[in-house]
Amino acid sequence: MRIGWPRQVFAQVLIAQLLITTGVLLLLTGLFLQPLRTQLDDQAEHQALAVAQTTAADPEIAAGLLGTHAEVGGPVQRQAERTRRATGALYVVVMDLHGIRWSHTDARQVGRHVSTDPRSALHGNVVLQVDRGTLGRSARAKVPLRDAGGEVIGAVSVGIAYSGVQDRLLSALPGLLRYAGTALAFGAGAAFLVARTLRKRTHGVSVADISALLSEREAMLHAVREGVIALDGRGRVRLVNDEAARLLALTEGAEGAEGRALADVLPPGRSRDVIAGQVTGRDLLTVRGNRVLIANRMPTPDGGAVVTLRDRTEVELLGRELDSIKGLLDALRAQDHEHANRLHTVLGFLELDLADRARGYVAGLTRARRASAGEFAERVRMPMVSALLVGKSAIASERGVTLRLSDRTHLPTGLIDARDVVTVLGNLIDNALDVVGGGRVGRPVVEVEAFVERDTVVVRVSDNGPGVPVDLRDTVFQEGWSTKESPAHRGRGLGLAMVRSLAERYGGTARVAARAGGGAVFTVTFPDIVSRPAPSPDRPVLAGEPS
């Protein structure tokens, strides 16, 4: 069975911490033992020095060296041995200027030359060292021996058995090892707790698996077509994928938003409230710029949350087109009945031989239709906008609502983006037709006003319906707010929110006020939406033309 490095993070961290703890303890033990050994050696050397200096200061030693011979049992030998036994030294050797021993623990060595070089001590120097002699390894000290006049007449060498130093060192090891073992046990316990916590956090996966999972997560988050934004417990952005940065129109991009507070990334509004969790529910609708988004928020165990965003702009547009088609179908059904009635009238004229009356009746209907379409085309020079007004006029007529243009209405060519004006007008007219239709108003009227004022397009749609209460004039522009029942294919409360969002994108405004005589007036402004062509050198700019 092959034993290798474990793959799980739990085992790897535990083994690594145990190795580190053991290595640190061994290092600290070595760093402690070396100074201890040096200290013990110094103590032994200074102990030997003290004994040697005491022996050299004894006048009987100097007198015996000068007045007797180097012999076993002589006065120098006897005095040195007394000193050795009293101090517990390994040896006390007295030598003359020729290096001949006058005393020694081994009596046979008396009268022989010393085994080490004595010249340094005989020249008046003190020598401290750990060395090996005839009695083994010892910590020794050599001092000069002087007579009464201070002249060097020999030297005294004292040795302390080095085994005594080692015994002291070894006696300190058990206590040191106990402390080291206790520290190692605590370190191992702490390492085990940390490793177990990591195992819970990492679900027992290996380091290689964590790296692979991280790479797969990054690839997946940036590849999916749904926006994903993750928040931590403090409301800071933990992660944003590319689609979320695009849908939320984050100018800093995904990387620039990470690590920042949500309030610093998104401006105040429903989008930020939904992501922050201040608005609860499933499949929450919100408008960001010109996009309709569906958000779902899932809390995480650490107090944060993961929010997914889906782009529903195309679905919303299709829903509005479906509503328009449904309205057109209703209008066609009504026109079917109306045309049938008109055909019956024409048939009656013909059966009564009133052909001229029949021709006049048909011509009158045709002129009315053409006059209405011609008026729209003449006063609104943008084909996209005028076509919208003609279509809405037909729908309004079939609903029994009068759709008219104000006298001030005039839109020239040269709008930078007429599609946004069409979106705003379409939403406002649809809302006005829904409010005044259904027989709730005696004579329902919807009036459209669109004109250019200093390069700013102003669009107003008014109706003689019940109006909007003062306390709801800001609420009606919020996402999700509506007084109408939602159809099965899409939600309500997005039209006016999109109107305000489009206006604010150009730096304009969208507001509602009361209409004189009852009803509501919605006003939307689009600053700097009119292009400024350079005037031709041979054609001056005419008064009234947008410059």
Protein backbone atom coordinates (compact mmCIF):
# COMPACT_ATOMS: atom_id res chain seq x y z
CA MET A 1 0.00 0.00 0.00
CA ARG A 2 1.49 3.24 -1.10
CA ILE A 3 1.52 6.01 1.51
CA GLY A 4 1.48 9.46 -0.03
CA TRP A 5 0.47 13.01 0.77
CA PRO A 6 -3.28 13.07 1.61
CA ARG A 7 -5.66 14.86 -0.76
CA GLN A 8 -8.14 16.19 1.77
CA VAL A 9 -7.61 19.69 3.11
CA PHE A 10 -8.36 18.47 6.65
CA ALA A 11 -5.51 15.95 6.65
CA GLN A 12 -3.10 18.25 4.83
CA VAL A 13 -3.62 21.11 7.27
CA LEU A 14 -3.35 18.80 10.28
CA ILE A 15 -0.12 17.19 9.10
CA ALA A 16 1.36 20.53 8.04
CA GLN A 17 0.57 22.15 11.39
CA LEU A 18 1.95 19.18 13.31
CA LEU A 19 5.16 19.29 11.30
CA ILE A 20 5.45 23.03 11.77
CA THR A 21 4.77 22.77 15.51
CA THR A 22 7.28 19.94 15.93
CA GLY A 23 9.90 21.78 13.90
CA VAL A 24 9.40 25.00 15.87
CA LEU A 25 9.68 23.12 19.18
CA LEU A 26 12.86 21.36 18.06
CA LEU A 27 14.33 24.63 16.90
CA LEU A 28 13.42 26.36 20.16
CA THR A 29 14.80 23.43 22.14
CA GLY A 30 18.07 23.60 20.23
CA LEU A 31 18.23 27.35 20.63
CA PHE A 32 17.64 26.93 24.36
CA LEU A 33 20.09 24.05 24.88
CA GLN A 34 23.02 25.71 23.17
CA PRO A 35 23.05 28.80 25.43
CA LEU A 36 22.41 26.53 28.42
CA ARG A 37 25.40 24.39 27.54
CA THR A 38 27.56 27.45 26.99
CA GLN A 39 26.40 28.87 30.31
CA LEU A 40 27.17 25.64 32.14
CA ASP A 41 30.63 25.48 30.52
CA ASP A 42 31.33 29.05 31.58
CA GLN A 43 30.22 28.27 35.12
CA ALA A 44 32.53 25.24 35.26
CA GLU A 45 35.45 27.19 33.82
CA HIS A 46 34.95 30.04 36.30
CA GLN A 47 34.62 27.51 39.11
CA ALA A 48 37.94 26.00 38.05
CA LEU A 49 39.37 29.54 37.84
CA ALA A 50 38.25 30.32 41.38
CA VAL A 51 39.85 27.13 42.72
CA ALA A 52 43.05 27.79 40.75
CA GLN A 53 43.30 31.41 41.98
CA THR A 54 42.66 30.31 45.57
CA THR A 55 45.39 27.65 45.29
CA ALA A 56 47.85 30.07 43.70
CA ALA A 57 47.24 32.56 46.49
CA ASP A 58 48.14 30.00 49.17
CA PRO A 59 51.64 30.99 50.49
CA GLU A 60 52.39 27.39 51.48
CA ILE A 61 52.17 26.34 47.82
CA ALA A 62 54.68 29.00 46.75
CA ALA A 63 56.98 28.25 49.71
CA GLY A 64 56.88 24.50 49.06
CA LEU A 65 57.64 25.06 45.35
CA LEU A 66 60.69 27.17 46.23
CA GLY A 67 61.98 25.15 49.24
CA THR A 68 61.33 21.50 48.41
CA HIS A 69 61.52 19.02 45.54
CA ALA A 70 58.83 17.57 43.29
CA GLU A 71 58.03 14.37 45.12
CA VAL A 72 55.01 12.28 46.08
CA GLY A 73 53.90 13.16 49.60
CA GLY A 74 55.68 16.53 49.55
CA PRO A 75 54.07 19.64 51.00
CA VAL A 76 52.91 20.89 47.58
CA GLN A 77 51.25 17.55 46.81
CA ARG A 78 49.55 17.41 50.19
CA GLN A 79 48.21 20.97 50.03
CA ALA A 80 46.96 20.55 46.46
CA GLU A 81 45.15 17.34 47.31
CA ARG A 82 43.46 18.98 50.30
CA THR A 83 42.24 21.75 48.05
CA ARG A 84 41.00 19.25 45.42
CA ARG A 85 39.04 17.22 47.94
CA ALA A 86 37.59 20.34 49.53
CA THR A 87 36.43 21.84 46.24
CA GLY A 88 35.43 18.63 44.42
CA ALA A 89 37.72 19.42 41.51
CA LEU A 90 38.89 16.71 39.14
CA TYR A 91 42.53 17.64 39.66
CA VAL A 92 44.73 20.39 41.08
CA VAL A 93 48.15 20.44 39.43
CA VAL A 94 51.04 22.69 40.51
CA MET A 95 53.92 23.02 38.06
CA ASP A 96 57.20 24.85 38.04
CA LEU A 97 58.68 27.06 35.31
CA HIS A 98 59.81 23.95 33.41
CA GLY A 99 56.32 22.42 33.24
CA ILE A 100 57.13 19.69 35.76
CA ARG A 101 54.23 18.56 37.91
CA TRP A 102 54.64 19.00 41.70
CA SER A 103 51.15 17.65 42.40
CA HIS A 104 48.58 15.49 40.65
CA THR A 105 45.64 13.29 41.47
CA ASP A 106 47.57 10.38 40.07
CA ALA A 107 50.73 10.25 42.20
CA ARG A 108 52.62 8.56 39.38
CA GLN A 109 52.38 11.78 37.34
CA VAL A 110 54.30 13.81 39.94
CA GLY A 111 57.74 14.77 38.60
CA ARG A 112 56.63 14.42 34.97
CA HIS A 113 56.06 17.10 32.37
CA VAL A 114 52.43 18.26 31.91
CA SER A 115 50.49 16.94 28.92
CA THR A 116 49.43 20.38 27.61
CA ASP A 117 51.40 23.49 26.73
CA PRO A 118 51.90 25.56 29.93
CA ARG A 119 53.71 28.52 28.37
CA SER A 120 50.76 30.93 28.36
CA ALA A 121 50.17 30.52 32.10
CA LEU A 122 53.93 30.63 32.84
CA HIS A 123 54.07 33.97 31.04
CA GLY A 124 51.52 35.41 33.49
CA ASN A 125 48.29 34.81 31.53
CA VAL A 126 45.06 33.19 32.69
CA VAL A 127 43.84 30.31 30.51
CA LEU A 128 40.24 29.03 30.47
CA GLN A 129 39.35 26.10 28.24
CA VAL A 130 37.62 22.78 27.87
CA ASP A 131 40.17 20.20 26.85
CA ARG A 132 41.14 16.56 27.23
CA GLY A 133 44.06 15.58 29.45
CA THR A 134 45.38 12.48 31.19
CA LEU A 135 42.22 12.35 33.35
CA GLY A 136 39.83 12.83 30.49
CA ARG A 137 37.81 15.76 29.23
CA SER A 138 37.53 18.63 31.70
CA ALA A 139 36.82 22.32 32.06
CA ARG A 140 40.11 23.74 33.20
CA ALA A 141 41.71 26.94 34.33
CA LYS A 142 45.42 27.83 34.43
CA VAL A 143 46.78 30.75 36.44
CA PRO A 144 50.35 31.87 37.13
CA LEU A 145 51.87 31.07 40.55
CA ARG A 146 53.84 34.00 42.01
CA ASP A 147 56.18 34.35 44.92
CA ALA A 148 56.03 37.03 47.60
CA GLY A 149 57.76 39.48 45.27
CA GLY A 150 55.26 38.91 42.43
CA GLU A 151 57.60 36.95 40.21
CA VAL A 152 56.13 33.99 38.32
CA ILE A 153 57.61 30.81 39.75
CA GLY A 154 55.15 28.34 38.22
CA ALA A 155 51.48 27.77 37.46
CA VAL A 156 48.40 26.14 38.91
CA SER A 157 46.04 24.11 36.69
CA VAL A 158 42.60 23.08 38.00
CA GLY A 159 40.13 20.88 36.14
CA ILE A 160 36.41 20.33 36.68
CA ALA A 161 35.14 17.07 35.28
CA TYR A 162 33.17 17.75 32.13
CA SER A 163 30.89 14.83 32.89
CA GLY A 164 29.57 16.93 35.75
CA VAL A 165 28.54 19.62 33.27
CA GLN A 166 26.86 17.05 31.06
CA ASP A 167 25.03 15.63 34.08
CA ARG A 168 23.65 19.07 34.87
CA LEU A 169 22.61 19.50 31.27
CA LEU A 170 20.97 16.08 31.12
CA SER A 171 19.21 16.68 34.41
CA ALA A 172 17.57 19.77 32.89
CA LEU A 173 16.42 17.88 29.78
CA PRO A 174 13.44 15.99 31.31
CA GLY A 175 11.79 19.18 32.51
CA LEU A 176 12.51 20.87 29.20
CA LEU A 177 11.07 17.94 27.29
CA ARG A 178 7.98 17.95 29.48
CA TYR A 179 7.37 21.58 28.65
CA ALA A 180 8.05 20.92 24.98
CA GLY A 181 5.73 17.90 25.01
CA THR A 182 2.96 19.93 26.66
CA ALA A 183 3.36 22.69 24.08
CA LEU A 184 3.35 20.09 21.31
CA ALA A 185 0.14 18.55 22.69
CA PHE A 186 -1.58 21.93 22.83
CA GLY A 187 -0.34 22.74 19.33
CA ALA A 188 -1.57 19.39 18.01
CA GLY A 189 -4.98 19.93 19.63
CA ALA A 190 -5.26 23.41 18.17
CA ALA A 191 -4.17 22.08 14.78
CA PHE A 192 -6.80 19.36 14.98
CA LEU A 193 -9.57 21.87 15.81
CA VAL A 194 -8.49 24.17 13.00
CA ALA A 195 -8.28 21.28 10.56
CA ARG A 196 -11.72 19.99 11.59
CA THR A 197 -13.21 23.46 11.11
CA LEU A 198 -11.62 23.63 7.68
CA ARG A 199 -13.03 20.21 6.85
CA LYS A 200 -16.54 21.45 7.68
CA ARG A 201 -16.00 24.59 5.64
CA THR A 202 -14.53 22.74 2.64
CA HIS A 203 -16.86 19.70 2.89
CA GLY A 204 -13.90 17.34 2.90
CA VAL A 205 -12.72 18.17 -0.63
CA SER A 206 -9.09 18.15 -1.67
CA VAL A 207 -6.95 21.14 -2.56
CA ALA A 208 -6.92 20.14 -6.20
CA ASP A 209 -10.72 19.86 -6.15
CA ILE A 210 -11.01 23.34 -4.58
CA SER A 211 -8.88 24.81 -7.36
CA ALA A 212 -10.91 22.97 -9.99
CA LEU A 213 -14.21 24.03 -8.41
CA LEU A 214 -13.08 27.65 -8.29
CA SER A 215 -12.08 27.58 -11.95
CA GLU A 216 -15.34 25.91 -12.92
CA ARG A 217 -17.34 28.42 -10.90
CA GLU A 218 -15.62 31.37 -12.55
CA ALA A 219 -16.17 29.88 -16.00
CA MET A 220 -19.81 29.05 -15.27
CA LEU A 221 -20.69 32.43 -13.76
CA HIS A 222 -19.21 34.36 -16.65
CA ALA A 223 -20.71 32.02 -19.26
CA VAL A 224 -24.34 31.93 -18.12
CA ARG A 225 -26.78 34.35 -19.71
CA GLU A 226 -28.33 35.26 -16.37
CA GLY A 227 -26.93 37.98 -14.16
CA VAL A 228 -25.58 36.84 -10.80
CA ILE A 229 -24.59 39.19 -7.99
CA ALA A 230 -23.53 37.92 -4.54
CA LEU A 231 -23.54 40.01 -1.35
CA ASP A 232 -21.87 39.33 1.99
CA GLY A 233 -23.40 39.85 5.44
CA ARG A 234 -22.42 43.54 5.43
CA GLY A 235 -24.12 44.29 2.14
CA ARG A 236 -20.89 44.47 0.15
CA VAL A 237 -20.64 43.06 -3.33
CA ARG A 238 -18.80 39.77 -3.19
CA LEU A 239 -19.15 38.70 -6.80
CA VAL A 240 -20.64 40.05 -10.03
CA ASN A 241 -20.60 38.21 -13.33
CA ASP A 242 -20.37 39.91 -16.71
CA GLU A 243 -24.08 39.58 -17.48
CA ALA A 244 -25.08 41.25 -14.20
CA ALA A 245 -22.67 44.11 -14.88
CA ARG A 246 -24.27 44.54 -18.31
CA LEU A 247 -27.87 44.35 -17.11
CA LEU A 248 -27.27 46.73 -14.21
CA ALA A 249 -25.18 49.07 -16.40
CA LEU A 250 -22.28 49.11 -13.95
CA THR A 251 -19.76 51.62 -15.26
CA GLU A 252 -16.92 50.07 -13.25
CA GLY A 253 -17.57 46.62 -14.67
CA ALA A 254 -17.69 43.37 -12.74
CA GLU A 255 -14.20 43.64 -11.23
CA GLY A 256 -14.61 47.27 -10.20
CA ALA A 257 -17.80 46.54 -8.25
CA GLU A 258 -16.45 43.64 -6.18
CA GLY A 259 -15.57 44.49 -2.60
CA ARG A 260 -17.63 47.71 -2.57
CA ALA A 261 -20.86 48.47 -0.77
CA LEU A 262 -24.02 48.00 -2.83
CA ALA A 263 -24.98 51.63 -2.16
CA ASP A 264 -21.73 52.72 -3.85
CA VAL A 265 -22.39 50.58 -6.92
CA LEU A 266 -26.09 51.21 -7.62
CA PRO A 267 -27.99 54.49 -7.26
CA PRO A 268 -31.10 54.65 -5.04
CA GLY A 269 -34.17 53.03 -6.54
CA ARG A 270 -36.15 49.85 -6.78
CA SER A 271 -33.29 47.91 -8.37
CA ARG A 272 -31.06 48.49 -5.36
CA ASP A 273 -33.91 47.81 -2.93
CA VAL A 274 -34.69 44.49 -4.61
CA ILE A 275 -31.06 43.36 -4.61
CA ALA A 276 -30.56 44.50 -1.00
CA GLY A 277 -33.63 42.53 0.11
CA GLN A 278 -35.73 45.53 1.15
CA VAL A 279 -38.39 44.34 -1.28
CA THR A 280 -39.30 40.69 -0.82
CA GLY A 281 -41.00 38.20 -3.11
CA ARG A 282 -40.34 35.97 -6.09
CA ASP A 283 -39.80 37.10 -9.68
CA LEU A 284 -39.66 40.76 -8.71
CA LEU A 285 -39.84 43.18 -11.63
CA THR A 286 -37.50 46.13 -11.79
CA VAL A 287 -36.39 48.61 -14.44
CA ARG A 288 -32.74 49.53 -14.87
CA GLY A 289 -32.14 52.02 -17.65
CA ASN A 290 -34.21 50.82 -20.58
CA ARG A 291 -34.18 47.20 -19.43
CA VAL A 292 -36.90 45.30 -17.63
CA LEU A 293 -35.37 42.78 -15.20
CA ILE A 294 -36.71 39.91 -13.11
CA ALA A 295 -34.84 39.44 -9.83
CA ASN A 296 -34.84 36.55 -7.38
CA ARG A 297 -32.96 36.74 -4.08
CA MET A 298 -31.72 33.72 -2.13
CA PRO A 299 -30.19 34.31 1.36
CA THR A 300 -26.96 32.49 2.29
CA PRO A 301 -26.05 31.02 5.72
CA ASP A 302 -23.46 33.73 6.40
CA GLY A 303 -26.07 36.51 6.25
CA GLY A 304 -25.42 37.45 2.64
CA ALA A 305 -27.46 36.66 -0.45
CA VAL A 306 -27.22 35.63 -4.08
CA VAL A 307 -29.41 37.53 -6.54
CA THR A 308 -30.15 36.32 -10.07
CA LEU A 309 -31.25 38.73 -12.77
CA ARG A 310 -33.04 37.86 -16.01
CA ASP A 311 -33.53 40.25 -18.89
CA ARG A 312 -37.23 40.53 -19.66
CA THR A 313 -37.02 43.53 -21.95
CA GLU A 314 -37.81 41.55 -25.09
CA VAL A 315 -40.58 39.66 -23.33
CA GLU A 316 -42.05 42.93 -22.11
CA LEU A 317 -41.92 44.40 -25.59
CA LEU A 318 -43.55 41.29 -26.99
CA GLY A 319 -46.19 41.55 -24.29
CA ARG A 320 -46.93 45.12 -25.22
CA GLU A 321 -47.10 44.14 -28.86
CA LEU A 322 -49.49 41.37 -27.85
CA ASP A 323 -51.60 43.92 -26.00
CA SER A 324 -51.56 46.15 -29.08
CA ILE A 325 -52.55 43.22 -31.30
CA LYS A 326 -55.33 42.33 -28.89
CA GLY A 327 -56.49 45.93 -29.01
CA LEU A 328 -56.35 45.90 -32.79
CA LEU A 329 -58.34 42.67 -32.86
CA ASP A 330 -60.96 44.25 -30.66
CA ALA A 331 -60.93 47.29 -32.90
CA LEU A 332 -61.25 45.09 -35.99
CA ARG A 333 -64.22 43.32 -34.48
CA ALA A 334 -65.83 46.66 -33.80
CA GLN A 335 -64.94 47.87 -37.29
CA ASP A 336 -66.44 44.69 -38.70
CA HIS A 337 -69.77 45.60 -37.17
CA GLU A 338 -69.40 49.24 -38.19
CA HIS A 339 -68.45 48.35 -41.77
CA ALA A 340 -71.35 45.94 -41.92
CA ASN A 341 -73.69 48.72 -40.85
CA ARG A 342 -72.16 51.06 -43.43
CA LEU A 343 -72.45 48.45 -46.16
CA HIS A 344 -76.07 47.92 -45.21
CA THR A 345 -76.61 51.67 -45.50
CA VAL A 346 -74.94 51.75 -48.93
CA LEU A 347 -77.02 48.71 -49.99
CA GLY A 348 -80.17 50.48 -48.84
CA PHE A 349 -79.33 53.58 -50.89
CA LEU A 350 -78.72 51.40 -53.96
CA GLU A 351 -81.95 49.45 -53.54
CA LEU A 352 -83.82 52.74 -53.27
CA ASP A 353 -82.13 53.92 -56.48
CA LEU A 354 -80.27 56.60 -54.55
CA ALA A 355 -76.87 56.04 -56.15
CA ASP A 356 -75.78 59.64 -55.70
CA ARG A 357 -76.56 59.48 -52.00
CA ALA A 358 -74.51 56.26 -51.74
CA ARG A 359 -71.51 57.83 -53.53
CA GLY A 360 -71.64 60.88 -51.25
CA TYR A 361 -71.86 58.76 -48.14
CA VAL A 362 -68.77 56.68 -49.10
CA ALA A 363 -66.81 59.77 -50.16
CA GLY A 364 -67.52 61.47 -46.84
CA LEU A 365 -66.20 58.49 -44.89
CA THR A 366 -63.04 58.38 -47.03
CA ARG A 367 -62.37 62.12 -46.68
CA ALA A 368 -62.69 61.94 -42.87
CA ARG A 369 -60.16 59.13 -42.64
CA ARG A 370 -57.71 60.81 -44.99
CA ALA A 371 -58.07 64.16 -43.27
CA SER A 372 -57.29 62.63 -39.87
CA ALA A 373 -54.18 60.78 -41.15
CA GLY A 374 -53.05 63.80 -43.13
CA GLU A 375 -53.25 66.03 -40.08
CA PHE A 376 -51.01 63.66 -38.11
CA ALA A 377 -48.47 63.42 -40.92
CA GLU A 378 -48.39 67.18 -41.49
CA ARG A 379 -47.88 68.21 -37.87
CA VAL A 380 -45.61 65.34 -36.86
CA ARG A 381 -42.75 65.05 -39.36
CA MET A 382 -41.28 61.92 -37.78
CA PRO A 383 -42.83 58.98 -39.72
CA MET A 384 -42.43 56.57 -36.79
CA VAL A 385 -44.24 58.91 -34.40
CA SER A 386 -46.98 59.90 -36.84
CA ALA A 387 -47.63 56.23 -37.72
CA LEU A 388 -48.02 55.48 -34.01
CA LEU A 389 -50.53 58.32 -33.63
CA VAL A 390 -52.57 57.15 -36.63
CA GLY A 391 -52.75 53.62 -35.21
CA LYS A 392 -53.66 54.82 -31.73
CA SER A 393 -56.30 57.12 -33.25
CA ALA A 394 -58.00 54.15 -34.92
CA ILE A 395 -57.97 52.17 -31.64
CA ALA A 396 -59.32 55.17 -29.74
CA SER A 397 -62.07 55.67 -32.27
CA GLU A 398 -63.24 52.09 -31.94
CA ARG A 399 -63.24 52.47 -28.15
CA GLY A 400 -65.38 55.57 -28.41
CA VAL A 401 -62.56 57.88 -27.31
CA THR A 402 -61.58 61.07 -29.10
CA LEU A 403 -57.80 61.25 -29.69
CA ARG A 404 -56.74 64.69 -30.82
CA LEU A 405 -53.59 66.76 -31.23
CA SER A 406 -53.18 70.07 -29.45
CA ASP A 407 -52.67 73.23 -31.49
CA ARG A 408 -49.09 73.48 -30.26
CA THR A 409 -48.10 70.04 -31.52
CA HIS A 410 -45.26 70.11 -34.02
CA LEU A 411 -42.36 67.64 -34.23
CA PRO A 412 -39.75 68.32 -36.92
CA THR A 413 -37.37 65.81 -38.39
CA GLY A 414 -33.97 65.35 -36.77
CA LEU A 415 -34.69 63.52 -33.54
CA ILE A 416 -31.65 61.58 -32.40
CA ASP A 417 -33.68 58.55 -31.28
CA ALA A 418 -37.36 58.62 -32.21
CA ARG A 419 -37.88 55.09 -30.84
CA ASP A 420 -37.70 56.36 -27.26
CA VAL A 421 -40.29 59.04 -28.04
CA VAL A 422 -42.51 56.34 -29.59
CA THR A 423 -42.12 54.17 -26.48
CA VAL A 424 -43.07 57.05 -24.19
CA LEU A 425 -46.03 58.18 -26.31
CA GLY A 426 -47.30 54.63 -26.72
CA ASN A 427 -47.26 53.97 -22.97
CA LEU A 428 -48.90 57.27 -22.06
CA ILE A 429 -51.64 56.98 -24.71
CA ASP A 430 -52.39 53.34 -23.74
CA ASN A 431 -52.73 54.33 -20.10
CA ALA A 432 -54.98 57.27 -20.98
CA LEU A 433 -57.20 55.11 -23.19
CA ASP A 434 -57.51 52.51 -20.40
CA VAL A 435 -58.47 55.21 -17.90
CA VAL A 436 -61.13 57.00 -19.97
CA GLY A 437 -62.45 53.96 -21.84
CA GLY A 438 -65.16 51.63 -20.71
CA GLY A 439 -67.92 54.20 -20.41
CA ARG A 440 -66.66 55.61 -17.10
CA VAL A 441 -66.41 59.14 -18.61
CA GLY A 442 -69.27 60.92 -20.35
CA ARG A 443 -67.34 62.13 -23.38
CA PRO A 444 -63.84 60.58 -23.17
CA VAL A 445 -61.05 62.69 -24.66
CA VAL A 446 -57.30 62.08 -24.87
CA GLU A 447 -55.15 64.96 -26.07
CA VAL A 448 -51.56 64.60 -27.29
CA GLU A 449 -49.11 67.49 -27.35
CA ALA A 450 -45.55 67.18 -28.65
CA PHE A 451 -43.23 70.04 -29.53
CA VAL A 452 -39.60 71.19 -29.43
CA GLU A 453 -38.49 73.90 -27.05
CA ARG A 454 -34.80 74.88 -27.13
CA ASP A 455 -33.58 71.49 -28.36
CA THR A 456 -35.77 69.75 -25.77
CA VAL A 457 -38.66 67.57 -26.89
CA VAL A 458 -41.69 67.97 -24.63
CA VAL A 459 -44.39 65.29 -24.75
CA ARG A 460 -47.74 65.71 -22.95
CA VAL A 461 -50.67 63.35 -22.83
CA SER A 462 -53.79 64.49 -20.99
CA ASP A 463 -57.16 62.88 -20.40
CA ASN A 464 -60.45 63.81 -18.73
CA GLY A 465 -60.46 60.73 -16.51
CA PRO A 466 -60.52 60.61 -12.71
CA GLY A 467 -56.97 61.96 -12.41
CA VAL A 468 -54.13 60.96 -10.07
CA PRO A 469 -54.29 61.87 -6.34
CA VAL A 470 -51.54 64.14 -5.10
CA ASP A 471 -50.12 61.52 -2.71
CA LEU A 472 -49.72 59.02 -5.56
CA ARG A 473 -48.06 61.25 -8.15
CA ASP A 474 -44.59 59.87 -7.36
CA THR A 475 -45.77 56.34 -6.66
CA VAL A 476 -47.25 55.82 -10.14
CA PHE A 477 -43.74 55.91 -11.64
CA GLN A 478 -42.44 53.11 -9.42
CA GLU A 479 -41.95 49.60 -10.79
CA GLY A 480 -44.73 47.18 -9.99
CA TRP A 481 -47.34 49.80 -9.06
CA SER A 482 -50.56 49.61 -11.04
CA THR A 483 -54.31 49.95 -10.53
CA LYS A 484 -55.07 47.57 -13.40
CA GLU A 485 -55.31 43.81 -13.28
CA SER A 486 -52.25 42.06 -14.71
CA PRO A 487 -52.76 39.98 -17.85
CA ALA A 488 -51.72 36.35 -17.80
CA HIS A 489 -48.73 36.80 -20.11
CA ARG A 490 -46.90 39.58 -18.21
CA GLY A 491 -46.92 41.86 -15.17
CA ARG A 492 -48.19 45.37 -14.73
CA GLY A 493 -46.60 48.50 -13.34
CA LEU A 494 -43.70 48.78 -15.78
CA GLY A 495 -44.93 51.26 -18.40
CA LEU A 496 -44.63 54.47 -16.39
CA ALA A 497 -41.45 53.24 -14.72
CA MET A 498 -39.91 52.75 -18.16
CA VAL A 499 -41.15 56.20 -19.20
CA ARG A 500 -39.35 57.85 -16.31
CA SER A 501 -36.23 55.72 -16.88
CA LEU A 502 -36.04 56.75 -20.56
CA ALA A 503 -36.52 60.40 -19.69
CA GLU A 504 -33.84 60.34 -16.98
CA ARG A 505 -31.42 58.64 -19.36
CA TYR A 506 -31.48 61.84 -21.43
CA GLY A 507 -31.37 64.02 -18.33
CA GLY A 508 -35.07 64.82 -18.55
CA THR A 509 -38.04 64.38 -16.25
CA ALA A 510 -41.40 62.61 -16.12
CA ARG A 511 -44.15 64.00 -13.92
CA VAL A 512 -47.92 64.05 -13.58
CA ALA A 513 -50.22 66.94 -12.70
CA ALA A 514 -53.92 67.71 -12.59
CA ARG A 515 -55.75 68.76 -15.78
CA ALA A 516 -57.90 71.82 -15.80
CA GLY A 517 -61.51 70.67 -15.64
CA GLY A 518 -60.56 67.26 -14.25
CA GLY A 519 -58.23 64.47 -15.31
CA ALA A 520 -54.47 64.05 -15.44
CA VAL A 521 -51.59 65.48 -17.51
CA PHE A 522 -48.40 63.47 -17.97
CA THR A 523 -45.41 65.54 -19.11
CA VAL A 524 -42.09 64.04 -20.26
CA THR A 525 -39.04 66.02 -21.40
CA PHE A 526 -36.10 64.86 -23.54
CA PRO A 527 -33.25 67.42 -23.40
CA ASP A 528 -30.73 67.57 -26.26
CA ILE A 529 -32.52 64.94 -28.32
CA VAL A 530 -32.70 67.15 -31.42
CA SER A 531 -29.68 67.06 -33.73
CA ARG A 532 -27.99 70.31 -34.80
CA PRO A 533 -26.97 70.19 -38.45
CA ALA A 534 -24.40 72.74 -39.50
CA PRO A 535 -25.98 75.55 -41.60
CA SER A 536 -25.08 75.72 -45.28
CA PRO A 537 -22.95 78.76 -46.19
CA ASP A 538 -25.44 79.78 -48.89
CA ARG A 539 -28.57 79.06 -46.82
CA PRO A 540 -29.25 80.90 -43.55
CA VAL A 541 -31.09 79.24 -40.66
CA LEU A 542 -34.77 80.21 -40.84
CA ALA A 543 -36.64 81.46 -37.82
CA GLY A 544 -38.51 78.67 -36.10
CA GLU A 545 -36.14 75.96 -37.33
CA PRO A 546 -34.21 74.03 -34.71
CA SER A 547 -30.63 75.24 -34.85
